[in-house]
PDB file of N, CA and C in Angstrom:
ATOM      1  N   UNK A   1     -42.293  65.130  28.540  1.00  0.00           N
ATOM      2  CA  UNK A   1     -41.218  64.172  28.412  1.00  0.00           C
ATOM      3  C   UNK A   1     -40.518  63.921  29.731  1.00  0.00           C
ATOM      4  N   UNK A   2     -40.068  62.686  29.942  1.00  0.00           N
ATOM      5  CA  UNK A   2     -39.345  62.273  31.162  1.00  0.00           C
ATOM      6  C   UNK A   2     -40.163  62.502  32.422  1.00  0.00           C
ATOM      7  N   UNK A   3     -41.478  62.721  32.286  1.00  0.00           N
ATOM      8  CA  UNK A   3     -42.319  62.906  33.461  1.00  0.00           C
ATOM      9  C   UNK A   3     -42.241  64.282  34.087  1.00  0.00           C
ATOM     10  N   UNK A   4     -41.685  65.238  33.364  1.00  0.00           N
ATOM     11  CA  UNK A   4     -41.558  66.598  33.870  1.00  0.00           C
ATOM     12  C   UNK A   4     -42.365  67.560  33.009  1.00  0.00           C
ATOM     13  N   UNK A   5     -42.774  68.664  33.603  1.00  0.00           N
ATOM     14  CA  UNK A   5     -43.469  69.706  32.865  1.00  0.00           C
ATOM     15  C   UNK A   5     -42.481  70.781  32.462  1.00  0.00           C
ATOM     16  N   UNK A   6     -42.495  71.115  31.185  1.00  0.00           N
ATOM     17  CA  UNK A   6     -41.657  72.171  30.641  1.00  0.00           C
ATOM     18  C   UNK A   6     -42.561  73.358  30.318  1.00  0.00           C
ATOM     19  N   UNK A   7     -42.026  74.547  30.462  1.00  0.00           N
ATOM     20  CA  UNK A   7     -42.780  75.744  30.094  1.00  0.00           C
ATOM     21  C   UNK A   7     -41.809  76.802  29.616  1.00  0.00           C
ATOM     22  N   UNK A   8     -42.367  77.794  28.990  1.00  0.00           N
ATOM     23  CA  UNK A   8     -41.557  78.924  28.554  1.00  0.00           C
ATOM     24  C   UNK A   8     -41.976  80.146  29.336  1.00  0.00           C
ATOM     25  N   UNK A   9     -41.007  80.924  29.763  1.00  0.00           N
ATOM     26  CA  UNK A   9     -41.278  82.169  30.462  1.00  0.00           C
ATOM     27  C   UNK A   9     -40.584  83.311  29.755  1.00  0.00           C
ATOM     28  N   UNK A  10     -40.731  84.488  30.341  1.00  0.00           N
ATOM     29  CA  UNK A  10     -40.055  85.679  29.817  1.00  0.00           C
ATOM     30  C   UNK A  10     -39.473  86.469  30.979  1.00  0.00           C
ATOM     31  N   UNK A  11     -38.224  86.852  30.789  1.00  0.00           N
ATOM     32  CA  UNK A  11     -37.542  87.755  31.701  1.00  0.00           C
ATOM     33  C   UNK A  11     -37.086  88.913  30.828  1.00  0.00           C
ATOM     34  N   UNK A  12     -37.444  90.118  31.208  1.00  0.00           N
ATOM     35  CA  UNK A  12     -37.103  91.294  30.393  1.00  0.00           C
ATOM     36  C   UNK A  12     -37.547  91.121  28.936  1.00  0.00           C
ATOM     37  N   UNK A  13     -38.679  90.454  28.741  1.00  0.00           N
ATOM     38  CA  UNK A  13     -39.228  90.268  27.401  1.00  0.00           C
ATOM     39  C   UNK A  13     -38.552  89.191  26.578  1.00  0.00           C
ATOM     40  N   UNK A  14     -37.499  88.577  27.097  1.00  0.00           N
ATOM     41  CA  UNK A  14     -36.786  87.524  26.379  1.00  0.00           C
ATOM     42  C   UNK A  14     -37.242  86.152  26.847  1.00  0.00           C
ATOM     43  N   UNK A  15     -37.401  85.260  25.903  1.00  0.00           N
ATOM     44  CA  UNK A  15     -37.860  83.902  26.220  1.00  0.00           C
ATOM     45  C   UNK A  15     -36.808  83.113  26.979  1.00  0.00           C
ATOM     46  N   UNK A  16     -37.311  82.271  27.871  1.00  0.00           N
ATOM     47  CA  UNK A  16     -36.442  81.364  28.614  1.00  0.00           C
ATOM     48  C   UNK A  16     -37.241  80.098  28.930  1.00  0.00           C
ATOM     49  N   UNK A  17     -36.604  78.951  28.740  1.00  0.00           N
ATOM     50  CA  UNK A  17     -37.254  77.682  29.028  1.00  0.00           C
ATOM     51  C   UNK A  17     -37.040  77.277  30.475  1.00  0.00           C
ATOM     52  N   UNK A  18     -38.070  76.639  31.048  1.00  0.00           N
ATOM     53  CA  UNK A  18     -38.007  76.155  32.424  1.00  0.00           C
ATOM     54  C   UNK A  18     -38.560  74.742  32.523  1.00  0.00           C
ATOM     55  N   UNK A  19     -38.045  74.011  33.476  1.00  0.00           N
ATOM     56  CA  UNK A  19     -38.699  72.803  33.944  1.00  0.00           C
ATOM     57  C   UNK A  19     -39.414  73.202  35.235  1.00  0.00           C
ATOM     58  N   UNK A  20     -40.703  72.895  35.339  1.00  0.00           N
ATOM     59  CA  UNK A  20     -41.442  73.206  36.562  1.00  0.00           C
ATOM     60  C   UNK A  20     -40.966  72.231  37.635  1.00  0.00           C
ATOM     61  N   UNK A  21     -40.494  72.768  38.756  1.00  0.00           N
ATOM     62  CA  UNK A  21     -39.929  71.929  39.819  1.00  0.00           C
ATOM     63  C   UNK A  21     -40.473  72.368  41.173  1.00  0.00           C
ATOM     64  N   UNK A  22     -41.515  71.682  41.624  1.00  0.00           N
ATOM     65  CA  UNK A  22     -42.128  72.019  42.913  1.00  0.00           C
ATOM     66  C   UNK A  22     -41.223  71.641  44.085  1.00  0.00           C
ATOM     67  N   UNK A  23     -40.153  70.915  43.816  1.00  0.00           N
ATOM     68  CA  UNK A  23     -39.191  70.569  44.858  1.00  0.00           C
ATOM     69  C   UNK A  23     -38.055  71.569  44.992  1.00  0.00           C
ATOM     70  N   UNK A  24     -38.020  72.538  44.082  1.00  0.00           N
ATOM     71  CA  UNK A  24     -36.987  73.580  44.139  1.00  0.00           C
ATOM     72  C   UNK A  24     -37.533  74.768  44.920  1.00  0.00           C
ATOM     73  N   UNK A  25     -36.805  75.217  45.919  1.00  0.00           N
ATOM     74  CA  UNK A  25     -37.309  76.317  46.746  1.00  0.00           C
ATOM     75  C   UNK A  25     -37.299  77.650  46.013  1.00  0.00           C
ATOM     76  N   UNK A  26     -36.406  77.811  45.046  1.00  0.00           N
ATOM     77  CA  UNK A  26     -36.334  79.069  44.296  1.00  0.00           C
ATOM     78  C   UNK A  26     -36.213  78.784  42.801  1.00  0.00           C
ATOM     79  N   UNK A  27     -36.431  79.817  42.016  1.00  0.00           N
ATOM     80  CA  UNK A  27     -36.143  79.751  40.594  1.00  0.00           C
ATOM     81  C   UNK A  27     -34.631  79.613  40.462  1.00  0.00           C
ATOM     82  N   UNK A  28     -34.194  78.674  39.644  1.00  0.00           N
ATOM     83  CA  UNK A  28     -32.759  78.446  39.463  1.00  0.00           C
ATOM     84  C   UNK A  28     -32.412  78.592  37.988  1.00  0.00           C
ATOM     85  N   UNK A  29     -31.405  79.416  37.719  1.00  0.00           N
ATOM     86  CA  UNK A  29     -30.938  79.658  36.362  1.00  0.00           C
ATOM     87  C   UNK A  29     -29.505  79.188  36.225  1.00  0.00           C
ATOM     88  N   UNK A  30     -29.183  78.591  35.080  1.00  0.00           N
ATOM     89  CA  UNK A  30     -27.777  78.283  34.856  1.00  0.00           C
ATOM     90  C   UNK A  30     -27.080  79.562  34.381  1.00  0.00           C
ATOM     91  N   UNK A  31     -25.768  79.568  34.451  1.00  0.00           N
ATOM     92  CA  UNK A  31     -25.003  80.789  34.142  1.00  0.00           C
ATOM     93  C   UNK A  31     -25.239  81.299  32.725  1.00  0.00           C
ATOM     94  N   UNK A  32     -25.350  80.403  31.767  1.00  0.00           N
ATOM     95  CA  UNK A  32     -25.548  80.825  30.380  1.00  0.00           C
ATOM     96  C   UNK A  32     -26.870  81.564  30.223  1.00  0.00           C
ATOM     97  N   UNK A  33     -27.932  81.010  30.794  1.00  0.00           N
ATOM     98  CA  UNK A  33     -29.245  81.666  30.714  1.00  0.00           C
ATOM     99  C   UNK A  33     -29.239  82.984  31.466  1.00  0.00           C
ATOM    100  N   UNK A  34     -28.685  82.986  32.673  1.00  0.00           N
ATOM    101  CA  UNK A  34     -28.664  84.206  33.490  1.00  0.00           C
ATOM    102  C   UNK A  34     -27.930  85.338  32.776  1.00  0.00           C
ATOM    103  N   UNK A  35     -26.854  85.019  32.100  1.00  0.00           N
ATOM    104  CA  UNK A  35     -26.063  86.040  31.406  1.00  0.00           C
ATOM    105  C   UNK A  35     -26.877  86.729  30.310  1.00  0.00           C
ATOM    106  N   UNK A  36     -27.796  86.011  29.693  1.00  0.00           N
ATOM    107  CA  UNK A  36     -28.645  86.615  28.655  1.00  0.00           C
ATOM    108  C   UNK A  36     -29.475  87.764  29.204  1.00  0.00           C
ATOM    109  N   UNK A  37     -29.722  87.762  30.524  1.00  0.00           N
ATOM    110  CA  UNK A  37     -30.537  88.791  31.170  1.00  0.00           C
ATOM    111  C   UNK A  37     -29.688  89.760  31.982  1.00  0.00           C
ATOM    112  N   UNK A  38     -28.397  89.711  31.768  1.00  0.00           N
ATOM    113  CA  UNK A  38     -27.499  90.627  32.458  1.00  0.00           C
ATOM    114  C   UNK A  38     -27.131  90.194  33.861  1.00  0.00           C
ATOM    115  N   UNK A  39     -27.493  88.979  34.232  1.00  0.00           N
ATOM    116  CA  UNK A  39     -27.145  88.466  35.564  1.00  0.00           C
ATOM    117  C   UNK A  39     -25.836  87.707  35.441  1.00  0.00           C
ATOM    118  N   UNK A  40     -24.760  88.359  35.844  1.00  0.00           N
ATOM    119  CA  UNK A  40     -23.422  87.770  35.751  1.00  0.00           C
ATOM    120  C   UNK A  40     -22.734  87.897  37.107  1.00  0.00           C
ATOM    121  N   UNK A  41     -23.071  87.016  38.038  1.00  0.00           N
ATOM    122  CA  UNK A  41     -22.464  87.119  39.377  1.00  0.00           C
ATOM    123  C   UNK A  41     -20.943  86.947  39.323  1.00  0.00           C
ATOM    124  N   UNK A  42     -20.277  87.681  40.182  1.00  0.00           N
ATOM    125  CA  UNK A  42     -18.831  87.508  40.308  1.00  0.00           C
ATOM    126  C   UNK A  42     -18.569  86.224  41.091  1.00  0.00           C
ATOM    127  N   UNK A  43     -17.360  85.723  41.001  1.00  0.00           N
ATOM    128  CA  UNK A  43     -17.016  84.476  41.725  1.00  0.00           C
ATOM    129  C   UNK A  43     -17.317  84.611  43.216  1.00  0.00           C
ATOM    130  N   UNK A  44     -17.068  85.796  43.782  1.00  0.00           N
ATOM    131  CA  UNK A  44     -17.307  86.007  45.204  1.00  0.00           C
ATOM    132  C   UNK A  44     -18.774  85.966  45.602  1.00  0.00           C
ATOM    133  N   UNK A  45     -19.661  86.156  44.635  1.00  0.00           N
ATOM    134  CA  UNK A  45     -21.099  86.127  44.930  1.00  0.00           C
ATOM    135  C   UNK A  45     -21.661  84.710  44.997  1.00  0.00           C
ATOM    136  N   UNK A  46     -20.860  83.726  44.613  1.00  0.00           N
ATOM    137  CA  UNK A  46     -21.283  82.326  44.720  1.00  0.00           C
ATOM    138  C   UNK A  46     -21.013  81.862  46.157  1.00  0.00           C
ATOM    139  N   UNK A  47     -21.838  82.372  47.073  1.00  0.00           N
ATOM    140  CA  UNK A  47     -21.611  82.105  48.496  1.00  0.00           C
ATOM    141  C   UNK A  47     -22.769  81.381  49.174  1.00  0.00           C
ATOM    142  N   UNK A  48     -23.758  80.962  48.407  1.00  0.00           N
ATOM    143  CA  UNK A  48     -24.882  80.197  48.964  1.00  0.00           C
ATOM    144  C   UNK A  48     -24.659  78.723  48.649  1.00  0.00           C
ATOM    145  N   UNK A  49     -24.810  77.888  49.644  1.00  0.00           N
ATOM    146  CA  UNK A  49     -24.675  76.451  49.444  1.00  0.00           C
ATOM    147  C   UNK A  49     -26.061  75.867  49.210  1.00  0.00           C
ATOM    148  N   UNK A  50     -26.225  75.181  48.092  1.00  0.00           N
ATOM    149  CA  UNK A  50     -27.525  74.581  47.770  1.00  0.00           C
ATOM    150  C   UNK A  50     -27.349  73.093  47.508  1.00  0.00           C
ATOM    151  N   UNK A  51     -28.388  72.335  47.852  1.00  0.00           N
ATOM    152  CA  UNK A  51     -28.396  70.901  47.583  1.00  0.00           C
ATOM    153  C   UNK A  51     -29.174  70.652  46.307  1.00  0.00           C
ATOM    154  N   UNK A  52     -28.553  69.938  45.392  1.00  0.00           N
ATOM    155  CA  UNK A  52     -29.195  69.593  44.129  1.00  0.00           C
ATOM    156  C   UNK A  52     -29.242  68.075  43.999  1.00  0.00           C
ATOM    157  N   UNK A  53     -29.894  67.609  42.957  1.00  0.00           N
ATOM    158  CA  UNK A  53     -29.929  66.169  42.688  1.00  0.00           C
ATOM    159  C   UNK A  53     -28.522  65.634  42.445  1.00  0.00           C
ATOM    160  N   UNK A  54     -27.604  66.516  42.036  1.00  0.00           N
ATOM    161  CA  UNK A  54     -26.228  66.111  41.754  1.00  0.00           C
ATOM    162  C   UNK A  54     -25.263  66.392  42.901  1.00  0.00           C
ATOM    163  N   UNK A  55     -25.800  66.770  44.059  1.00  0.00           N
ATOM    164  CA  UNK A  55     -24.948  67.040  45.208  1.00  0.00           C
ATOM    165  C   UNK A  55     -25.012  68.491  45.644  1.00  0.00           C
ATOM    166  N   UNK A  56     -24.089  68.873  46.506  1.00  0.00           N
ATOM    167  CA  UNK A  56     -24.037  70.227  47.047  1.00  0.00           C
ATOM    168  C   UNK A  56     -23.171  71.099  46.137  1.00  0.00           C
ATOM    169  N   UNK A  57     -23.640  72.326  45.927  1.00  0.00           N
ATOM    170  CA  UNK A  57     -22.960  73.239  45.002  1.00  0.00           C
ATOM    171  C   UNK A  57     -23.056  74.664  45.538  1.00  0.00           C
ATOM    172  N   UNK A  58     -22.154  75.514  45.113  1.00  0.00           N
ATOM    173  CA  UNK A  58     -22.222  76.935  45.456  1.00  0.00           C
ATOM    174  C   UNK A  58     -23.021  77.672  44.388  1.00  0.00           C
ATOM    175  N   UNK A  59     -23.892  78.581  44.829  1.00  0.00           N
ATOM    176  CA  UNK A  59     -24.741  79.349  43.920  1.00  0.00           C
ATOM    177  C   UNK A  59     -24.736  80.808  44.351  1.00  0.00           C
ATOM    178  N   UNK A  60     -25.161  81.665  43.430  1.00  0.00           N
ATOM    179  CA  UNK A  60     -25.245  83.101  43.702  1.00  0.00           C
ATOM    180  C   UNK A  60     -26.714  83.508  43.806  1.00  0.00           C
ATOM    181  N   UNK A  61     -27.038  84.195  44.901  1.00  0.00           N
ATOM    182  CA  UNK A  61     -28.406  84.696  45.068  1.00  0.00           C
ATOM    183  C   UNK A  61     -28.632  85.898  44.162  1.00  0.00           C
ATOM    184  N   UNK A  62     -29.855  86.010  43.636  1.00  0.00           N
ATOM    185  CA  UNK A  62     -30.221  87.158  42.824  1.00  0.00           C
ATOM    186  C   UNK A  62     -31.729  87.357  42.905  1.00  0.00           C
ATOM    187  N   UNK A  63     -32.212  88.389  42.247  1.00  0.00           N
ATOM    188  CA  UNK A  63     -33.656  88.643  42.168  1.00  0.00           C
ATOM    189  C   UNK A  63     -33.985  88.936  40.709  1.00  0.00           C
ATOM    190  N   UNK A  64     -35.144  88.473  40.304  1.00  0.00           N
ATOM    191  CA  UNK A  64     -35.647  88.740  38.963  1.00  0.00           C
ATOM    192  C   UNK A  64     -36.766  89.764  39.112  1.00  0.00           C
ATOM    193  N   UNK A  65     -36.627  90.909  38.451  1.00  0.00           N
ATOM    194  CA  UNK A  65     -37.598  91.994  38.604  1.00  0.00           C
ATOM    195  C   UNK A  65     -38.999  91.565  38.192  1.00  0.00           C
ATOM    196  N   UNK A  66     -39.110  90.851  37.067  1.00  0.00           N
ATOM    197  CA  UNK A  66     -40.421  90.394  36.612  1.00  0.00           C
ATOM    198  C   UNK A  66     -40.262  89.107  35.820  1.00  0.00           C
ATOM    199  N   UNK A  67     -41.013  88.098  36.209  1.00  0.00           N
ATOM    200  CA  UNK A  67     -41.011  86.810  35.521  1.00  0.00           C
ATOM    201  C   UNK A  67     -42.430  86.527  35.058  1.00  0.00           C
ATOM    202  N   UNK A  68     -42.584  86.332  33.757  1.00  0.00           N
ATOM    203  CA  UNK A  68     -43.881  86.094  33.121  1.00  0.00           C
ATOM    204  C   UNK A  68     -43.888  84.676  32.575  1.00  0.00           C
ATOM    205  N   UNK A  69     -44.824  83.875  33.047  1.00  0.00           N
ATOM    206  CA  UNK A  69     -45.001  82.518  32.543  1.00  0.00           C
ATOM    207  C   UNK A  69     -46.447  82.394  32.076  1.00  0.00           C
ATOM    208  N   UNK A  70     -46.637  82.378  30.776  1.00  0.00           N
ATOM    209  CA  UNK A  70     -47.971  82.224  30.211  1.00  0.00           C
ATOM    210  C   UNK A  70     -48.938  83.321  30.619  1.00  0.00           C
ATOM    211  N   UNK A  71     -48.423  84.534  30.804  1.00  0.00           N
ATOM    212  CA  UNK A  71     -49.272  85.646  31.224  1.00  0.00           C
ATOM    213  C   UNK A  71     -49.424  85.769  32.731  1.00  0.00           C
ATOM    214  N   UNK A  72     -48.877  84.831  33.486  1.00  0.00           N
ATOM    215  CA  UNK A  72     -48.865  84.920  34.950  1.00  0.00           C
ATOM    216  C   UNK A  72     -47.592  85.676  35.323  1.00  0.00           C
ATOM    217  N   UNK A  73     -47.761  86.867  35.856  1.00  0.00           N
ATOM    218  CA  UNK A  73     -46.616  87.741  36.130  1.00  0.00           C
ATOM    219  C   UNK A  73     -46.372  87.832  37.628  1.00  0.00           C
ATOM    220  N   UNK A  74     -45.133  87.550  38.014  1.00  0.00           N
ATOM    221  CA  UNK A  74     -44.717  87.693  39.399  1.00  0.00           C
ATOM    222  C   UNK A  74     -43.495  88.609  39.400  1.00  0.00           C
ATOM    223  N   UNK A  75     -43.529  89.600  40.281  1.00  0.00           N
ATOM    224  CA  UNK A  75     -42.435  90.573  40.358  1.00  0.00           C
ATOM    225  C   UNK A  75     -41.541  90.290  41.564  1.00  0.00           C
ATOM    226  N   UNK A  76     -40.292  90.707  41.442  1.00  0.00           N
ATOM    227  CA  UNK A  76     -39.320  90.607  42.531  1.00  0.00           C
ATOM    228  C   UNK A  76     -39.201  89.163  43.027  1.00  0.00           C
ATOM    229  N   UNK A  77     -38.777  88.289  42.133  1.00  0.00           N
ATOM    230  CA  UNK A  77     -38.705  86.851  42.397  1.00  0.00           C
ATOM    231  C   UNK A  77     -37.297  86.467  42.856  1.00  0.00           C
ATOM    232  N   UNK A  78     -37.202  85.813  44.002  1.00  0.00           N
ATOM    233  CA  UNK A  78     -35.915  85.278  44.453  1.00  0.00           C
ATOM    234  C   UNK A  78     -35.450  84.206  43.473  1.00  0.00           C
ATOM    235  N   UNK A  79     -34.151  84.212  43.188  1.00  0.00           N
ATOM    236  CA  UNK A  79     -33.585  83.232  42.272  1.00  0.00           C
ATOM    237  C   UNK A  79     -32.148  82.930  42.659  1.00  0.00           C
ATOM    238  N   UNK A  80     -31.612  81.890  42.061  1.00  0.00           N
ATOM    239  CA  UNK A  80     -30.216  81.506  42.236  1.00  0.00           C
ATOM    240  C   UNK A  80     -29.616  81.281  40.864  1.00  0.00           C
ATOM    241  N   UNK A  81     -28.367  81.637  40.731  1.00  0.00           N
ATOM    242  CA  UNK A  81     -27.605  81.318  39.529  1.00  0.00           C
ATOM    243  C   UNK A  81     -26.633  80.209  39.909  1.00  0.00           C
ATOM    244  N   UNK A  82     -26.673  79.124  39.132  1.00  0.00           N
ATOM    245  CA  UNK A  82     -25.799  77.979  39.366  1.00  0.00           C
ATOM    246  C   UNK A  82     -24.887  77.786  38.168  1.00  0.00           C
ATOM    247  N   UNK A  83     -23.703  77.235  38.396  1.00  0.00           N
ATOM    248  CA  UNK A  83     -22.802  76.952  37.274  1.00  0.00           C
ATOM    249  C   UNK A  83     -23.485  76.035  36.254  1.00  0.00           C
ATOM    250  N   UNK A  84     -23.173  76.228  34.982  1.00  0.00           N
ATOM    251  CA  UNK A  84     -23.761  75.400  33.925  1.00  0.00           C
ATOM    252  C   UNK A  84     -23.561  73.914  34.186  1.00  0.00           C
ATOM    253  N   UNK A  85     -22.404  73.551  34.706  1.00  0.00           N
ATOM    254  CA  UNK A  85     -22.108  72.137  34.949  1.00  0.00           C
ATOM    255  C   UNK A  85     -23.032  71.524  36.001  1.00  0.00           C
ATOM    256  N   UNK A  86     -23.610  72.356  36.860  1.00  0.00           N
ATOM    257  CA  UNK A  86     -24.475  71.861  37.932  1.00  0.00           C
ATOM    258  C   UNK A  86     -25.954  71.917  37.572  1.00  0.00           C
ATOM    259  N   UNK A  87     -26.307  72.662  36.524  1.00  0.00           N
ATOM    260  CA  UNK A  87     -27.720  72.857  36.198  1.00  0.00           C
ATOM    261  C   UNK A  87     -27.890  72.934  34.685  1.00  0.00           C
ATOM    262  N   UNK A  88     -28.380  71.847  34.112  1.00  0.00           N
ATOM    263  CA  UNK A  88     -28.551  71.824  32.658  1.00  0.00           C
ATOM    264  C   UNK A  88     -29.839  72.522  32.230  1.00  0.00           C
ATOM    265  N   UNK A  89     -30.872  72.491  33.079  1.00  0.00           N
ATOM    266  CA  UNK A  89     -32.139  73.132  32.768  1.00  0.00           C
ATOM    267  C   UNK A  89     -32.474  74.163  33.830  1.00  0.00           C
ATOM    268  N   UNK A  90     -33.072  75.262  33.426  1.00  0.00           N
ATOM    269  CA  UNK A  90     -33.542  76.265  34.384  1.00  0.00           C
ATOM    270  C   UNK A  90     -34.761  75.697  35.103  1.00  0.00           C
ATOM    271  N   UNK A  91     -34.873  76.000  36.387  1.00  0.00           N
ATOM    272  CA  UNK A  91     -35.960  75.452  37.191  1.00  0.00           C
ATOM    273  C   UNK A  91     -36.923  76.549  37.624  1.00  0.00           C
ATOM    274  N   UNK A  92     -38.204  76.303  37.417  1.00  0.00           N
ATOM    275  CA  UNK A  92     -39.259  77.201  37.887  1.00  0.00           C
ATOM    276  C   UNK A  92     -39.677  76.680  39.258  1.00  0.00           C
ATOM    277  N   UNK A  93     -39.106  77.265  40.309  1.00  0.00           N
ATOM    278  CA  UNK A  93     -39.298  76.770  41.665  1.00  0.00           C
ATOM    279  C   UNK A  93     -40.339  77.550  42.453  1.00  0.00           C
ATOM    280  N   UNK A  94     -40.363  77.268  43.744  1.00  0.00           N
ATOM    281  CA  UNK A  94     -41.401  77.803  44.624  1.00  0.00           C
ATOM    282  C   UNK A  94     -41.350  79.308  44.828  1.00  0.00           C
ATOM    283  N   UNK A  95     -40.213  79.955  44.601  1.00  0.00           N
ATOM    284  CA  UNK A  95     -40.197  81.409  44.763  1.00  0.00           C
ATOM    285  C   UNK A  95     -41.116  82.074  43.736  1.00  0.00           C
ATOM    286  N   UNK A  96     -41.417  81.391  42.638  1.00  0.00           N
ATOM    287  CA  UNK A  96     -42.440  81.843  41.681  1.00  0.00           C
ATOM    288  C   UNK A  96     -43.772  81.160  41.986  1.00  0.00           C
ATOM    289  N   UNK A  97     -43.770  79.851  42.057  1.00  0.00           N
ATOM    290  CA  UNK A  97     -45.019  79.077  42.178  1.00  0.00           C
ATOM    291  C   UNK A  97     -45.822  79.414  43.430  1.00  0.00           C
ATOM    292  N   UNK A  98     -45.149  79.637  44.548  1.00  0.00           N
ATOM    293  CA  UNK A  98     -45.865  79.892  45.809  1.00  0.00           C
ATOM    294  C   UNK A  98     -46.552  81.248  45.821  1.00  0.00           C
ATOM    295  N   UNK A  99     -46.227  82.099  44.879  1.00  0.00           N
ATOM    296  CA  UNK A  99     -46.848  83.416  44.835  1.00  0.00           C
ATOM    297  C   UNK A  99     -48.061  83.453  43.897  1.00  0.00           C
ATOM    298  N   UNK A 100     -48.400  82.294  43.355  1.00  0.00           N
ATOM    299  CA  UNK A 100     -49.619  82.163  42.564  1.00  0.00           C
ATOM    300  C   UNK A 100     -50.773  81.837  43.497  1.00  0.00           C
ATOM    301  N   UNK A 101     -51.993  81.972  42.996  1.00  0.00           N
ATOM    302  CA  UNK A 101     -53.172  81.599  43.782  1.00  0.00           C
ATOM    303  C   UNK A 101     -53.146  80.103  44.066  1.00  0.00           C
ATOM    304  N   UNK A 102     -52.778  79.318  43.025  1.00  0.00           N
ATOM    305  CA  UNK A 102     -52.640  77.879  43.216  1.00  0.00           C
ATOM    306  C   UNK A 102     -51.805  77.282  42.090  1.00  0.00           C
ATOM    307  N   UNK A 103     -51.220  76.142  42.404  1.00  0.00           N
ATOM    308  CA  UNK A 103     -50.589  75.301  41.399  1.00  0.00           C
ATOM    309  C   UNK A 103     -50.848  73.874  41.819  1.00  0.00           C
ATOM    310  N   UNK A 104     -51.230  73.050  40.853  1.00  0.00           N
ATOM    311  CA  UNK A 104     -51.526  71.663  41.189  1.00  0.00           C
ATOM    312  C   UNK A 104     -51.379  70.779  39.972  1.00  0.00           C
ATOM    313  N   UNK A 105     -51.187  69.504  40.255  1.00  0.00           N
ATOM    314  CA  UNK A 105     -51.138  68.495  39.218  1.00  0.00           C
ATOM    315  C   UNK A 105     -52.446  67.729  39.305  1.00  0.00           C
ATOM    316  N   UNK A 106     -53.197  67.711  38.206  1.00  0.00           N
ATOM    317  CA  UNK A 106     -54.482  66.998  38.185  1.00  0.00           C
ATOM    318  C   UNK A 106     -54.752  66.474  36.782  1.00  0.00           C
ATOM    319  N   UNK A 107     -55.169  65.238  36.700  1.00  0.00           N
ATOM    320  CA  UNK A 107     -55.543  64.626  35.418  1.00  0.00           C
ATOM    321  C   UNK A 107     -54.466  64.778  34.348  1.00  0.00           C
ATOM    322  N   UNK A 108     -53.227  64.593  34.738  1.00  0.00           N
ATOM    323  CA  UNK A 108     -52.137  64.643  33.779  1.00  0.00           C
ATOM    324  C   UNK A 108     -51.740  66.047  33.349  1.00  0.00           C
ATOM    325  N   UNK A 109     -52.274  67.056  34.019  1.00  0.00           N
ATOM    326  CA  UNK A 109     -51.955  68.439  33.666  1.00  0.00           C
ATOM    327  C   UNK A 109     -51.441  69.194  34.872  1.00  0.00           C
ATOM    328  N   UNK A 110     -50.536  70.139  34.628  1.00  0.00           N
ATOM    329  CA  UNK A 110     -50.089  71.059  35.658  1.00  0.00           C
ATOM    330  C   UNK A 110     -50.918  72.325  35.479  1.00  0.00           C
ATOM    331  N   UNK A 111     -51.600  72.737  36.557  1.00  0.00           N
ATOM    332  CA  UNK A 111     -52.469  73.902  36.511  1.00  0.00           C
ATOM    333  C   UNK A 111     -51.839  75.007  37.358  1.00  0.00           C
ATOM    334  N   UNK A 112     -51.634  76.167  36.738  1.00  0.00           N
ATOM    335  CA  UNK A 112     -51.119  77.344  37.444  1.00  0.00           C
ATOM    336  C   UNK A 112     -52.189  78.407  37.350  1.00  0.00           C
ATOM    337  N   UNK A 113     -52.541  79.027  38.488  1.00  0.00           N
ATOM    338  CA  UNK A 113     -53.590  80.044  38.504  1.00  0.00           C
ATOM    339  C   UNK A 113     -53.148  81.223  39.345  1.00  0.00           C
ATOM    340  N   UNK A 114     -53.408  82.415  38.816  1.00  0.00           N
ATOM    341  CA  UNK A 114     -53.017  83.631  39.541  1.00  0.00           C
ATOM    342  C   UNK A 114     -54.237  84.356  40.049  1.00  0.00           C
TER     343      UNK A 114
END
């Protein structure tokens, strides 16, 4: 839908929805989703400035111990937590995708290979 690829992943065994975003440098989680996994940055930790489609925003750097997307497991993944108002969907960015053997768009499909 809307020309984007959606997928489901798992963090700590709990499901989480993502939009695959090859233009995002890192995995980005909104605050509500991050809190489900115990990631609750303090206000002072929102010290990274990131550019989004909606403008510049402050985000908190974090790491995800293990992210599983369709059986493709990547450990120690760089991520950012953004305020809910700035990020309606979680983004599966390059900090996950670049650690795969390949990812590509071909024949109307997104192919991820480890």
